[in-house]
């Protein structure tokens, strides 16, 4: 089960004068977290409402009774404009500030109705005691709370706190939707996608979702409404009853308003699954910018989503190798890379190119594997012509576009065209071709060096009688190179590989020098 994105929470810090702010990072330090909130606009509106109702501090000062008594901090602009009551200079007591925090938590828990009733009683008491300024401040807070509550969507009329869990499935994907309802009003909605769910039952998925939800959430409501009965209902009931500290009801409604809530949640889940499938299809069919540019600049009928590029590498005609790299949708697909040992006489780059192209596409045709949308040759007209001749023999020329990229001027050669195509240096198409060419070159060079080093290692050391691969490797690690080994005396070599092997090495090199 995975969440579709990282949602923010509202955090009430565990301090003597707590702060209230939104965050995406949960730190288990005793702070209280509310959420997560799936609607950013609602979160912004809620934070703005809280700041309007309660004069809470927005600074991050480490306020304690000791620092306040010492006069370590000064009030800021928020105090001057009456957005904060200045706990940093003891203009408000810890008890009074704690009352604001307690009321803030009530709103975050969706208990605005209870808070409104309490503030009405407080306002009447202050007015009777002729404390009109304090009564006016409470009246203003009450006005904002009622305004906030009036904008929440009413889901039920029984004013019960409940969470609604509903599940929808489509093939191998499932979506669970959770409605958080407090005082009959929806204060939050969240969803989870569950992949590879075909082997799981509805009851098992609901069980997992409910457990995950209440592991991350401190508040457990009076009632939990689910679309399917959880797999381990008795365990879930005992666990949540213990977490809440009182009785809790878990129901699977068949008729009535609760059934309508489930139907609404399932409709939401169905919509989210369709949206997920549409997004996945769009991502799969989306054409990367570089690939689209290349199709336009080379005037190709089909976008070159799969590009196969060939390059050769050798040293004065020895250790001839070729590489083939694959780019899919503009990105390397290393699982499809191939390397070849080439069998040609002398320094014949054209023959090498013909050999590797033939070996590659003969096998592709025999095994009926995926053909590329574009074949790319690292080289100029000569290498391109050699490759085209092979493709023509195999019946692929004309079916698959083929180009050559010459490094000196970054010229693009196309069969049948005498003039090369020159793209701007800043062209997205050219940068893609250069990336493919450079990767093919890197892959070929790496393989060539591997073979050359292996040959050098074998001919110089392992051909000595009595010297095996482990002894030769130990010598190279200690000395660094064959030349350094040749320069050492027999006594020095004996310290590394023993007297007998040292004598064999020394006799080998001295015998070679006499010749």
Protein backbone atom coordinates (compact mmCIF):
# COMPACT_ATOMS: atom_id res chain seq x y z
CA UNK A 1 0.00 0.00 0.00
CA UNK A 2 1.40 3.34 -0.97
CA UNK A 3 0.22 6.90 -0.61
CA UNK A 4 -0.06 8.91 -3.78
CA UNK A 5 1.76 11.95 -2.45
CA UNK A 6 3.10 13.61 0.69
CA UNK A 7 0.35 15.55 2.47
CA UNK A 8 0.85 18.30 5.07
CA UNK A 9 -0.17 18.18 8.73
CA UNK A 10 -0.92 20.89 11.29
CA UNK A 11 1.47 20.62 14.22
CA UNK A 12 0.87 21.84 17.79
CA UNK A 13 4.30 21.78 19.39
CA UNK A 14 5.13 20.30 22.78
CA UNK A 15 6.41 23.52 24.42
CA UNK A 16 5.48 25.68 27.41
CA UNK A 17 4.01 28.16 24.93
CA UNK A 18 3.11 25.92 21.94
CA UNK A 19 3.25 27.02 18.32
CA UNK A 20 0.74 26.03 15.62
CA UNK A 21 1.93 25.66 12.02
CA UNK A 22 1.69 23.30 9.07
CA UNK A 23 4.45 20.84 8.20
CA UNK A 24 5.17 17.80 6.03
CA UNK A 25 7.62 16.28 8.53
CA UNK A 26 6.35 14.30 11.53
CA UNK A 27 8.70 14.36 14.54
CA UNK A 28 7.76 12.16 17.49
CA UNK A 29 8.64 14.63 20.27
CA UNK A 30 5.29 14.84 22.03
CA UNK A 31 3.81 17.34 19.58
CA UNK A 32 0.26 16.83 18.36
CA UNK A 33 -0.39 16.40 14.64
CA UNK A 34 -3.68 16.92 12.82
CA UNK A 35 -4.31 15.77 9.29
CA UNK A 36 -3.05 14.93 6.81
CA UNK A 37 -4.86 17.53 4.70
CA UNK A 38 -5.45 16.65 1.06
CA UNK A 39 -6.78 20.06 0.03
CA UNK A 40 -4.13 22.78 0.16
CA UNK A 41 -6.68 25.58 -0.16
CA UNK A 42 -8.66 24.27 2.80
CA UNK A 43 -5.45 24.01 4.86
CA UNK A 44 -4.56 27.62 4.01
CA UNK A 45 -8.09 28.75 4.94
CA UNK A 46 -7.99 26.80 8.21
CA UNK A 47 -4.59 28.24 9.25
CA UNK A 48 -5.79 31.74 8.38
CA UNK A 49 -8.94 31.21 10.45
CA UNK A 50 -6.96 29.97 13.47
CA UNK A 51 -4.61 32.97 13.30
CA UNK A 52 -7.61 35.29 13.09
CA UNK A 53 -9.43 33.73 16.04
CA UNK A 54 -6.54 33.10 18.43
CA UNK A 55 -3.56 35.43 19.15
CA UNK A 56 -0.97 32.64 18.99
CA UNK A 57 2.73 33.32 18.55
CA UNK A 58 4.27 32.73 15.11
CA UNK A 59 7.94 33.04 16.16
CA UNK A 60 10.21 30.06 16.80
CA UNK A 61 11.76 31.39 20.02
CA UNK A 62 12.43 28.72 22.68
CA UNK A 63 10.15 30.35 25.27
CA UNK A 64 10.26 29.05 28.84
CA UNK A 65 9.33 30.62 32.18
CA UNK A 66 13.06 31.10 32.86
CA UNK A 67 13.86 32.92 29.58
CA UNK A 68 10.77 35.11 29.96
CA UNK A 69 11.64 36.01 33.55
CA UNK A 70 15.18 36.89 32.46
CA UNK A 71 13.83 39.29 29.80
CA UNK A 72 15.82 37.56 27.10
CA UNK A 73 13.38 38.31 24.26
CA UNK A 74 11.39 41.34 23.07
CA UNK A 75 7.94 41.56 21.50
CA UNK A 76 7.71 41.73 17.71
CA UNK A 77 5.39 43.39 15.21
CA UNK A 78 2.67 40.77 15.78
CA UNK A 79 2.22 42.15 19.31
CA UNK A 80 1.93 45.72 18.02
CA UNK A 81 -0.83 44.81 15.54
CA UNK A 82 -2.60 42.64 18.14
CA UNK A 83 -1.93 39.33 16.37
CA UNK A 84 -0.07 37.99 19.43
CA UNK A 85 -0.42 38.76 23.15
CA UNK A 86 3.34 38.77 23.76
CA UNK A 87 4.22 35.70 25.85
CA UNK A 88 7.91 36.54 25.29
CA UNK A 89 7.53 39.53 27.69
CA UNK A 90 4.94 37.87 29.97
CA UNK A 91 2.02 39.96 28.70
CA UNK A 92 -0.07 36.76 28.86
CA UNK A 93 0.08 33.97 31.43
CA UNK A 94 0.91 30.40 30.53
CA UNK A 95 -2.56 29.31 31.72
CA UNK A 96 -4.36 31.83 29.50
CA UNK A 97 -2.19 30.93 26.49
CA UNK A 98 -2.84 27.25 27.20
CA UNK A 99 -6.59 27.97 27.03
CA UNK A 100 -6.13 29.35 23.50
CA UNK A 101 -4.21 26.21 22.53
CA UNK A 102 -6.93 23.98 24.00
CA UNK A 103 -9.60 25.79 21.98
CA UNK A 104 -7.43 25.57 18.85
CA UNK A 105 -7.19 21.80 19.31
CA UNK A 106 -10.99 21.64 19.65
CA UNK A 107 -11.41 23.27 16.25
CA UNK A 108 -8.79 21.01 14.68
CA UNK A 109 -10.67 18.02 16.10
CA UNK A 110 -13.87 19.31 14.48
CA UNK A 111 -15.49 20.20 17.80
CA UNK A 112 -16.46 23.75 16.79
CA UNK A 113 -20.05 23.36 18.04
CA UNK A 114 -18.95 22.56 21.60
CA UNK A 115 -16.43 25.42 21.51
CA UNK A 116 -19.08 27.85 20.28
CA UNK A 117 -21.42 26.88 23.13
CA UNK A 118 -18.63 27.32 25.66
CA UNK A 119 -17.64 30.75 24.26
CA UNK A 120 -21.27 31.92 24.34
CA UNK A 121 -21.44 31.08 28.05
CA UNK A 122 -18.10 32.82 28.62
CA UNK A 123 -19.26 35.94 26.76
CA UNK A 124 -22.46 36.14 28.83
CA UNK A 125 -20.50 35.72 32.07
CA UNK A 126 -18.07 38.51 31.16
CA UNK A 127 -20.91 40.84 30.17
CA UNK A 128 -22.71 40.21 33.47
CA UNK A 129 -19.46 41.10 35.29
CA UNK A 130 -19.26 44.33 33.25
CA UNK A 131 -16.01 43.18 31.57
CA UNK A 132 -17.14 44.49 28.21
CA UNK A 133 -13.76 44.58 26.43
CA UNK A 134 -13.08 40.93 27.24
CA UNK A 135 -16.65 40.05 26.27
CA UNK A 136 -16.20 41.82 22.91
CA UNK A 137 -13.01 39.85 22.22
CA UNK A 138 -14.83 36.57 22.96
CA UNK A 139 -17.75 37.73 20.77
CA UNK A 140 -15.37 38.32 17.85
CA UNK A 141 -13.83 34.87 18.25
CA UNK A 142 -17.31 33.35 18.41
CA UNK A 143 -18.26 35.13 15.18
CA UNK A 144 -15.26 33.71 13.31
CA UNK A 145 -15.86 30.20 14.67
CA UNK A 146 -19.51 30.23 13.55
CA UNK A 147 -18.47 31.55 10.14
CA UNK A 148 -15.91 28.77 9.81
CA UNK A 149 -18.42 26.10 10.91
CA UNK A 150 -21.05 27.35 8.45
CA UNK A 151 -18.70 26.71 5.51
CA UNK A 152 -18.16 23.05 6.38
CA UNK A 153 -20.18 20.53 4.40
CA UNK A 154 -22.98 18.95 6.48
CA UNK A 155 -22.98 15.17 5.98
CA UNK A 156 -25.36 13.96 8.74
CA UNK A 157 -27.79 15.55 11.18
CA UNK A 158 -27.01 13.37 14.23
CA UNK A 159 -23.85 15.37 15.14
CA UNK A 160 -21.83 12.19 15.83
CA UNK A 161 -18.08 11.93 15.23
CA UNK A 162 -17.39 9.17 12.71
CA UNK A 163 -14.86 8.03 10.13
CA UNK A 164 -16.03 6.44 6.89
CA UNK A 165 -13.86 3.85 5.07
CA UNK A 166 -14.84 2.69 1.57
CA UNK A 167 -13.07 0.54 -1.01
CA UNK A 168 -13.25 0.32 -4.79
CA UNK A 169 -11.31 -2.07 -7.05
CA UNK A 170 -10.42 -2.32 -10.72
CA UNK A 171 -8.25 -5.21 -11.91
CA UNK A 172 -5.03 -5.10 -9.89
CA UNK A 173 -5.56 -1.64 -8.38
CA UNK A 174 -7.64 -0.75 -5.34
CA UNK A 175 -8.44 2.65 -3.84
CA UNK A 176 -9.57 3.30 -0.27
CA UNK A 177 -11.25 6.61 0.61
CA UNK A 178 -11.59 7.94 4.17
CA UNK A 179 -14.09 10.65 5.21
CA UNK A 180 -13.50 12.33 8.59
CA UNK A 181 -16.83 13.61 9.95
CA UNK A 182 -17.01 15.64 13.16
CA UNK A 183 -20.26 17.02 14.60
CA UNK A 184 -21.97 15.84 11.43
CA UNK A 185 -19.66 17.87 9.17
CA UNK A 186 -16.88 16.60 6.92
CA UNK A 187 -13.57 18.12 7.99
CA UNK A 188 -11.23 15.99 5.88
CA UNK A 189 -10.90 13.43 3.11
CA UNK A 190 -7.97 11.21 2.16
CA UNK A 191 -7.30 8.28 -0.13
CA UNK A 192 -4.80 5.47 -0.57
CA UNK A 193 -3.91 3.45 -3.66
CA UNK A 194 -3.16 -0.22 -3.13
CA UNK A 195 -1.16 -1.87 -5.92
CA UNK A 196 -0.86 -5.62 -6.61
CA UNK A 197 -4.13 -6.15 -4.77
CA UNK A 198 -5.58 -8.93 -6.93
CA UNK A 199 -4.55 -11.61 -4.42
CA UNK A 200 -6.00 -9.71 -1.43
CA UNK A 201 -9.59 -9.85 -0.26
CA UNK A 202 -11.71 -6.74 0.31
CA UNK A 203 -11.86 -7.60 4.02
CA UNK A 204 -8.07 -7.82 4.26
CA UNK A 205 -7.54 -4.48 2.49
CA UNK A 206 -10.09 -2.69 4.70
CA UNK A 207 -8.42 -4.17 7.79
CA UNK A 208 -5.01 -2.90 6.63
CA UNK A 209 -6.31 0.59 5.75
CA UNK A 210 -8.09 1.04 9.10
CA UNK A 211 -5.01 -0.11 11.02
CA UNK A 212 -2.73 2.22 9.05
CA UNK A 213 -5.08 5.16 9.57
CA UNK A 214 -5.30 4.85 13.35
CA UNK A 215 -1.61 4.11 13.75
CA UNK A 216 -0.98 7.58 12.30
CA UNK A 217 -3.96 9.34 13.92
CA UNK A 218 -4.41 9.95 17.64
CA UNK A 219 -8.14 10.71 17.59
CA UNK A 220 -10.57 7.77 17.46
CA UNK A 221 -14.23 8.80 16.86
CA UNK A 222 -17.43 7.38 18.36
CA UNK A 223 -18.23 5.38 15.25
CA UNK A 224 -16.40 3.81 12.30
CA UNK A 225 -18.39 3.04 9.15
CA UNK A 226 -16.84 0.60 6.65
CA UNK A 227 -17.89 -0.69 3.24
CA UNK A 228 -16.68 -4.23 4.03
CA UNK A 229 -16.34 -6.01 7.34
CA UNK A 230 -12.65 -6.06 8.40
CA UNK A 231 -10.91 -9.42 8.38
CA UNK A 232 -10.17 -9.32 12.13
CA UNK A 233 -13.09 -7.32 13.46
CA UNK A 234 -12.76 -8.48 17.09
CA UNK A 235 -9.08 -7.56 17.24
CA UNK A 236 -9.75 -4.18 15.62
CA UNK A 237 -12.58 -3.46 18.07
CA UNK A 238 -10.44 -4.31 21.13
CA UNK A 239 -7.46 -2.31 19.87
CA UNK A 240 -9.47 0.84 19.04
CA UNK A 241 -11.51 0.57 22.25
CA UNK A 242 -8.25 0.50 24.23
CA UNK A 243 -6.76 3.39 22.20
CA UNK A 244 -9.90 5.53 22.67
CA UNK A 245 -10.46 4.56 26.29
CA UNK A 246 -14.19 4.01 25.80
CA UNK A 247 -16.64 2.09 23.66
CA UNK A 248 -16.58 2.36 19.88
CA UNK A 249 -18.98 1.10 17.21
CA UNK A 250 -17.81 -0.43 13.91
CA UNK A 251 -20.67 -0.87 11.43
CA UNK A 252 -21.22 -2.10 7.85
CA UNK A 253 -24.47 -0.28 6.91
CA UNK A 254 -27.00 -1.85 4.55
CA UNK A 255 -29.58 0.93 4.37
CA UNK A 256 -30.13 4.51 5.48
CA UNK A 257 -27.94 7.62 5.65
CA UNK A 258 -24.78 5.68 6.56
CA UNK A 259 -25.19 3.55 3.46
CA UNK A 260 -25.43 6.79 1.45
CA UNK A 261 -22.13 7.93 3.00
CA UNK A 262 -20.51 4.66 1.92
CA UNK A 263 -21.95 5.05 -1.59
CA UNK A 264 -20.55 8.59 -1.81
CA UNK A 265 -17.10 7.40 -0.68
CA UNK A 266 -17.15 4.51 -3.20
CA UNK A 267 -18.07 6.97 -5.97
CA UNK A 268 -15.04 9.05 -4.97
CA UNK A 269 -12.84 5.94 -5.02
CA UNK A 270 -14.15 4.91 -8.47
CA UNK A 271 -13.34 8.37 -9.80
CA UNK A 272 -9.83 8.30 -8.30
CA UNK A 273 -9.06 4.91 -9.87
CA UNK A 274 -10.18 6.18 -13.29
CA UNK A 275 -8.00 9.24 -12.83
CA UNK A 276 -5.03 7.04 -11.88
CA UNK A 277 -5.47 4.87 -14.98
CA UNK A 278 -5.73 7.97 -17.19
CA UNK A 279 -2.55 9.41 -15.67
CA UNK A 280 -0.70 6.13 -16.16
CA UNK A 281 -1.85 5.92 -19.79
CA UNK A 282 -0.82 9.53 -20.38
CA UNK A 283 2.65 8.88 -18.92
CA UNK A 284 3.09 5.76 -21.05
CA UNK A 285 2.02 7.56 -24.22
CA UNK A 286 3.69 10.87 -23.49
CA UNK A 287 6.44 11.63 -25.96
CA UNK A 288 9.60 13.11 -24.44
CA UNK A 289 10.59 16.47 -25.85
CA UNK A 290 13.89 15.23 -27.29
CA UNK A 291 12.24 12.32 -29.08
CA UNK A 292 9.54 14.57 -30.56
CA UNK A 293 12.17 17.08 -31.71
CA UNK A 294 14.22 14.31 -33.32
CA UNK A 295 11.19 13.04 -35.21
CA UNK A 296 10.54 16.54 -36.51
CA UNK A 297 14.13 17.38 -37.46
CA UNK A 298 14.80 14.05 -39.21
CA UNK A 299 11.32 14.01 -40.78
CA UNK A 300 10.59 10.52 -39.49
CA UNK A 301 7.18 8.93 -39.94
CA UNK A 302 7.21 7.44 -36.42
CA UNK A 303 8.73 8.87 -33.24
CA UNK A 304 12.12 7.22 -32.51
CA UNK A 305 11.14 5.88 -29.11
CA UNK A 306 13.72 3.08 -29.34
CA UNK A 307 17.14 4.02 -30.73
CA UNK A 308 19.94 1.49 -31.22
CA UNK A 309 23.44 2.86 -31.76
CA UNK A 310 26.64 1.03 -32.84
CA UNK A 311 30.28 1.98 -32.27
CA UNK A 312 33.64 0.22 -32.76
CA UNK A 313 36.80 0.35 -30.68
CA UNK A 314 40.30 -1.13 -31.21
CA UNK A 315 44.01 -0.43 -30.76
CA UNK A 316 45.96 -0.57 -34.00
CA UNK A 317 43.68 -3.30 -35.26
CA UNK A 318 43.93 -5.46 -32.12
CA UNK A 319 41.22 -6.33 -29.60
CA UNK A 320 38.51 -5.21 -32.05
CA UNK A 321 35.18 -4.78 -30.24
CA UNK A 322 31.80 -3.22 -30.99
CA UNK A 323 29.04 -1.97 -28.75
CA UNK A 324 25.33 -1.52 -29.18
CA UNK A 325 23.44 0.72 -26.76
CA UNK A 326 19.71 1.27 -26.57
CA UNK A 327 17.83 4.45 -25.64
CA UNK A 328 14.12 4.11 -24.87
CA UNK A 329 12.09 7.35 -24.79
CA UNK A 330 15.33 9.32 -24.61
CA UNK A 331 16.79 7.37 -21.67
CA UNK A 332 19.42 4.60 -21.58
CA UNK A 333 17.99 1.09 -21.32
CA UNK A 334 21.07 -0.70 -20.04
CA UNK A 335 19.43 -4.10 -19.81
CA UNK A 336 19.39 -4.16 -23.65
CA UNK A 337 23.03 -3.14 -24.15
CA UNK A 338 25.19 -5.63 -26.04
CA UNK A 339 28.96 -5.95 -26.64
CA UNK A 340 30.69 -7.93 -29.39
CA UNK A 341 34.15 -9.29 -30.12
CA UNK A 342 34.79 -8.57 -33.79
CA UNK A 343 36.77 -10.89 -36.06
CA UNK A 344 38.30 -8.79 -38.86
CA UNK A 345 41.78 -8.64 -40.35
CA UNK A 346 43.70 -5.44 -39.72
CA UNK A 347 42.25 -2.00 -39.18
CA UNK A 348 38.98 -2.31 -41.18
CA UNK A 349 36.29 -0.19 -39.52
CA UNK A 350 33.79 -0.75 -42.33
CA UNK A 351 34.05 -4.55 -42.13
CA UNK A 352 33.73 -4.36 -38.34
CA UNK A 353 30.56 -2.27 -38.65
CA UNK A 354 29.08 -4.74 -41.13
CA UNK A 355 29.84 -7.65 -38.84
CA UNK A 356 28.24 -6.19 -35.75
CA UNK A 357 25.13 -4.96 -37.60
CA UNK A 358 24.67 -8.34 -39.27
CA UNK A 359 25.12 -10.28 -36.02
CA UNK A 360 22.69 -8.03 -34.21
CA UNK A 361 19.79 -8.08 -36.67
CA UNK A 362 20.14 -11.69 -37.80
CA UNK A 363 19.53 -12.63 -34.17
CA UNK A 364 16.67 -10.13 -33.82
CA UNK A 365 14.94 -11.61 -36.88
CA UNK A 366 15.51 -15.18 -35.71
CA UNK A 367 14.22 -14.55 -32.19
CA UNK A 368 11.52 -12.10 -33.39
CA UNK A 369 12.43 -9.56 -30.69
CA UNK A 370 11.71 -5.84 -30.77
CA UNK A 371 13.10 -3.85 -33.70
CA UNK A 372 14.27 -0.25 -33.15
CA UNK A 373 12.54 2.86 -34.46
CA UNK A 374 15.92 4.33 -35.45
CA UNK A 375 19.35 2.78 -36.10
CA UNK A 376 22.28 5.08 -35.45
CA UNK A 377 25.87 4.55 -36.61
CA UNK A 378 28.78 6.33 -34.96
CA UNK A 379 30.68 7.49 -38.02
CA UNK A 380 30.42 9.19 -41.37
CA UNK A 381 29.30 8.14 -44.84
CA UNK A 382 31.63 5.12 -45.04
CA UNK A 383 30.41 3.43 -41.85
CA UNK A 384 26.80 4.33 -42.71
CA UNK A 385 27.07 2.79 -46.19
CA UNK A 386 28.57 -0.39 -44.73
CA UNK A 387 25.67 -0.72 -42.30
CA UNK A 388 23.06 0.04 -45.00
CA UNK A 389 24.45 -2.73 -47.23
CA UNK A 390 23.88 -5.29 -44.45
CA UNK A 391 20.41 -3.98 -43.62
CA UNK A 392 19.53 -4.21 -47.32
CA UNK A 393 20.66 -7.86 -47.41
CA UNK A 394 18.46 -8.61 -44.41
CA UNK A 395 15.43 -6.86 -45.89
CA UNK A 396 15.36 -4.17 -43.20
CA UNK A 397 16.55 -1.18 -45.22
CA UNK A 398 13.62 1.09 -45.91
CA UNK A 399 11.65 -0.37 -43.01
CA UNK A 400 13.82 1.15 -40.27
CA UNK A 401 15.36 4.65 -40.56
CA UNK A 402 19.16 4.66 -40.25
CA UNK A 403 21.52 7.60 -39.79
CA UNK A 404 25.21 8.25 -39.17
CA UNK A 405 26.62 10.89 -36.83
CA UNK A 406 30.13 12.14 -37.64
CA UNK A 407 31.88 13.55 -34.59
CA UNK A 408 34.10 16.24 -36.13
CA UNK A 409 31.33 18.62 -37.22
CA UNK A 410 28.40 16.72 -35.69
CA UNK A 411 27.07 16.08 -39.18
CA UNK A 412 24.05 13.79 -39.58
CA UNK A 413 24.20 11.59 -42.68
CA UNK A 414 21.09 9.98 -44.17
CA UNK A 415 21.24 7.28 -46.89
CA UNK A 416 20.43 8.64 -50.34
CA UNK A 417 21.20 12.25 -49.39
CA UNK A 418 24.49 13.79 -50.51
CA UNK A 419 24.36 16.70 -48.10
CA UNK A 420 24.62 16.23 -44.35
CA UNK A 421 22.05 17.62 -41.92
CA UNK A 422 23.51 20.23 -39.57
CA UNK A 423 21.45 20.93 -36.46
CA UNK A 424 22.07 23.90 -34.14
CA UNK A 425 24.42 23.12 -31.24
CA UNK A 426 21.64 24.00 -28.81
CA UNK A 427 19.12 21.69 -30.53
CA UNK A 428 17.36 19.20 -28.26
CA UNK A 429 17.53 16.66 -31.09
CA UNK A 430 21.31 16.99 -31.44
CA UNK A 431 21.85 16.74 -27.69
CA UNK A 432 19.88 13.48 -27.66
CA UNK A 433 21.92 12.05 -30.55
CA UNK A 434 25.16 13.12 -28.86
CA UNK A 435 24.09 11.42 -25.63
CA UNK A 436 23.37 8.19 -27.49
CA UNK A 437 26.65 8.36 -29.43
CA UNK A 438 28.73 9.17 -26.33
CA UNK A 439 27.15 6.29 -24.41
CA UNK A 440 27.93 3.85 -27.24
CA UNK A 441 31.51 5.12 -27.33
CA UNK A 442 31.89 4.78 -23.55
CA UNK A 443 30.50 1.26 -23.58
CA UNK A 444 32.81 0.17 -26.43
CA UNK A 445 35.92 1.75 -24.87
CA UNK A 446 35.18 0.12 -21.51
CA UNK A 447 34.91 -3.32 -23.09
CA UNK A 448 38.02 -2.78 -25.22
CA UNK A 449 40.10 -1.76 -22.18
CA UNK A 450 38.86 -4.76 -20.26
CA UNK A 451 40.01 -7.15 -22.98
CA UNK A 452 43.34 -5.35 -23.46
CA UNK A 453 44.12 -5.37 -19.74
CA UNK A 454 43.18 -9.03 -19.52
CA UNK A 455 45.46 -9.88 -22.45
CA UNK A 456 48.34 -7.86 -20.97
CA UNK A 457 47.92 -9.51 -17.62
CA UNK A 458 47.87 -13.00 -19.10
CA UNK A 459 50.79 -12.65 -21.56
CA UNK A 460 53.22 -10.83 -19.27
CA UNK A 461 52.82 -12.74 -16.03
CA UNK A 462 50.61 -15.80 -16.19
CA UNK A 463 52.70 -17.35 -18.97
CA UNK A 464 55.65 -17.62 -16.54
CA UNK A 465 56.06 -21.21 -15.41
CA UNK A 466 54.86 -21.59 -11.82
CA UNK A 467 53.03 -18.24 -11.72
CA UNK A 468 49.26 -18.50 -11.50
CA UNK A 469 46.60 -15.78 -11.61
CA UNK A 470 46.57 -15.20 -7.83
CA UNK A 471 50.35 -14.81 -7.66
CA UNK A 472 50.35 -12.48 -10.67
CA UNK A 473 47.55 -10.43 -9.15
CA UNK A 474 49.46 -10.15 -5.86
CA UNK A 475 52.53 -8.91 -7.72
CA UNK A 476 50.55 -6.28 -9.61
CA UNK A 477 48.85 -5.04 -6.44
CA UNK A 478 52.19 -4.75 -4.59
CA UNK A 479 54.27 -3.34 -7.48
CA UNK A 480 51.74 -1.46 -9.57
CA UNK A 481 52.92 -2.53 -13.04
CA UNK A 482 54.88 -5.17 -14.97
CA UNK A 483 57.75 -2.70 -15.47
CA UNK A 484 58.07 -2.25 -11.71
CA UNK A 485 58.12 -6.03 -11.26
CA UNK A 486 60.86 -6.35 -13.89
CA UNK A 487 63.00 -3.77 -12.01
CA UNK A 488 62.88 -5.58 -8.63
CA UNK A 489 65.67 -7.88 -7.47
CA UNK A 490 65.10 -11.54 -6.68
CA UNK A 491 65.35 -10.93 -2.92
CA UNK A 492 62.69 -8.23 -3.06
CA UNK A 493 60.39 -10.43 -5.13
CA UNK A 494 60.91 -13.30 -2.66
CA UNK A 495 59.48 -11.14 0.15
CA UNK A 496 56.26 -10.82 -1.86
CA UNK A 497 55.74 -14.26 -3.48
CA UNK A 498 58.36 -16.54 -1.99
CA UNK A 499 61.82 -17.64 -3.15
CA UNK A 500 60.78 -20.26 -5.70
CA UNK A 501 58.29 -18.06 -7.53
CA UNK A 502 60.68 -15.07 -7.34
CA UNK A 503 63.40 -17.10 -9.02
CA UNK A 504 61.02 -18.14 -11.82
CA UNK A 505 59.96 -14.51 -12.43
CA UNK A 506 63.52 -13.24 -12.43
CA UNK A 507 64.75 -15.97 -14.77
CA UNK A 508 61.86 -15.23 -17.15
CA UNK A 509 62.63 -11.51 -17.41
CA UNK A 510 66.42 -12.01 -17.58
CA UNK A 511 66.00 -14.65 -20.28
CA UNK A 512 63.82 -12.22 -22.28
CA UNK A 513 66.46 -9.49 -21.99
CA UNK A 514 69.26 -11.81 -23.22
CA UNK A 515 67.22 -12.63 -26.27
